[in-house]
Amino acid sequence: MNPFSPDMLRDKVIIVTGGATGLGQAMSEQFAELGAKLAICGRRQAALDQAAEVFHSKGQDIYVQSCDVRDPVQVSEFVKAVYSHYGKVDILVNNAAGNFISPTERLSHRAVDSVLGIVLHGTFYMTLEVGKKWIELGHPGTMLNIVTTYASTGSGYVTPSAAAKAGVLALTRSLAVEWAPYGIRQVAIAPGAFPIDGADSRLSPTPELQQQLIDRIPIKRAGSKEELTHLAAFLVSDYAGFINGEVITIDGGEWLQGAGQFNGLTEVSHEQWDELARMTRKGK
């Protein structure tokens, strides 16, 4: 069920990087259903063309172009093409990402560069290109960055991603203040476990690892794409116009589960609690 008015994003032009697959595609679909005009980019032309066919079959307005966000020249060309096609851009969603699990000491500099290039540099390049255009034209806008729950805490075995996403989080909060006088708003989402085609094979490649990730979540399930896309649609809409510089975590309480010193006591049985209570009373 869609909780929003079907014209909530009517005629808004939204750029979504990495918008042809995974959660990027899901967000794009949600935005289009609410009346937005889409401009999506990615590195694989075949995926872009396939996504365009789906949107066009529904009568939805979409522009696609191959673009590697690690290349500032390609980023500039893509943004110029979007302006040429639509005449404006209202919202930028920095979603393109790259990640995989590995002990940090096994990483090569190329592996590090690959993740930082997509996540940190790519987000920065796209943000600068669109932001400068908005400032030049006096056009207000909203930027939504997709970060992670470990952007603030760090995480072993995904160190390049943690470092890059921490940079994106700092970018979000920095520009929320610096660019607010131009009418440019910054928001971010930190997703937890969401089923994503392709990403699961790199981050939880076995059923055992997938179950371990689910077991960490207090509500004992992964998120649905609708839960994330509804949040994204609200944050980029005019209804969230007073939210600036905020990062919304949507993870079923997973990061809080690991944050509390005694949260592991969820494994204690009722009988063990009874025994612990007796021991505690004896100590008084």
Foldseek 3Di string as FASTA:
>chain_A
DAPDDLQLCAAAEEEQEVLLFWLNVLLVVLNQSSHYAYEYEEQDVVSQVVSVVVCVVVVTHYHYDYAQLLDLVRLLVSVVVSCVVSVAHAEYELDWFDWFFDQPVPDDVVVLCVGLSNQASSVVSNCVNRVVVCLVVLHAHEYEYEAAPLCPPADGRGRSNNPRSVNVLVVQQVCLPVVVVSNYAGEYEHEAAEDTPPVCCRYPVDPVSVQVSQVLAPVRDHDYSVVVSSVVSCCRGVVVSVDGSYYHYDYNCNVVCVVDPCSVCVPPDPVNVVVVVVVVVVVD
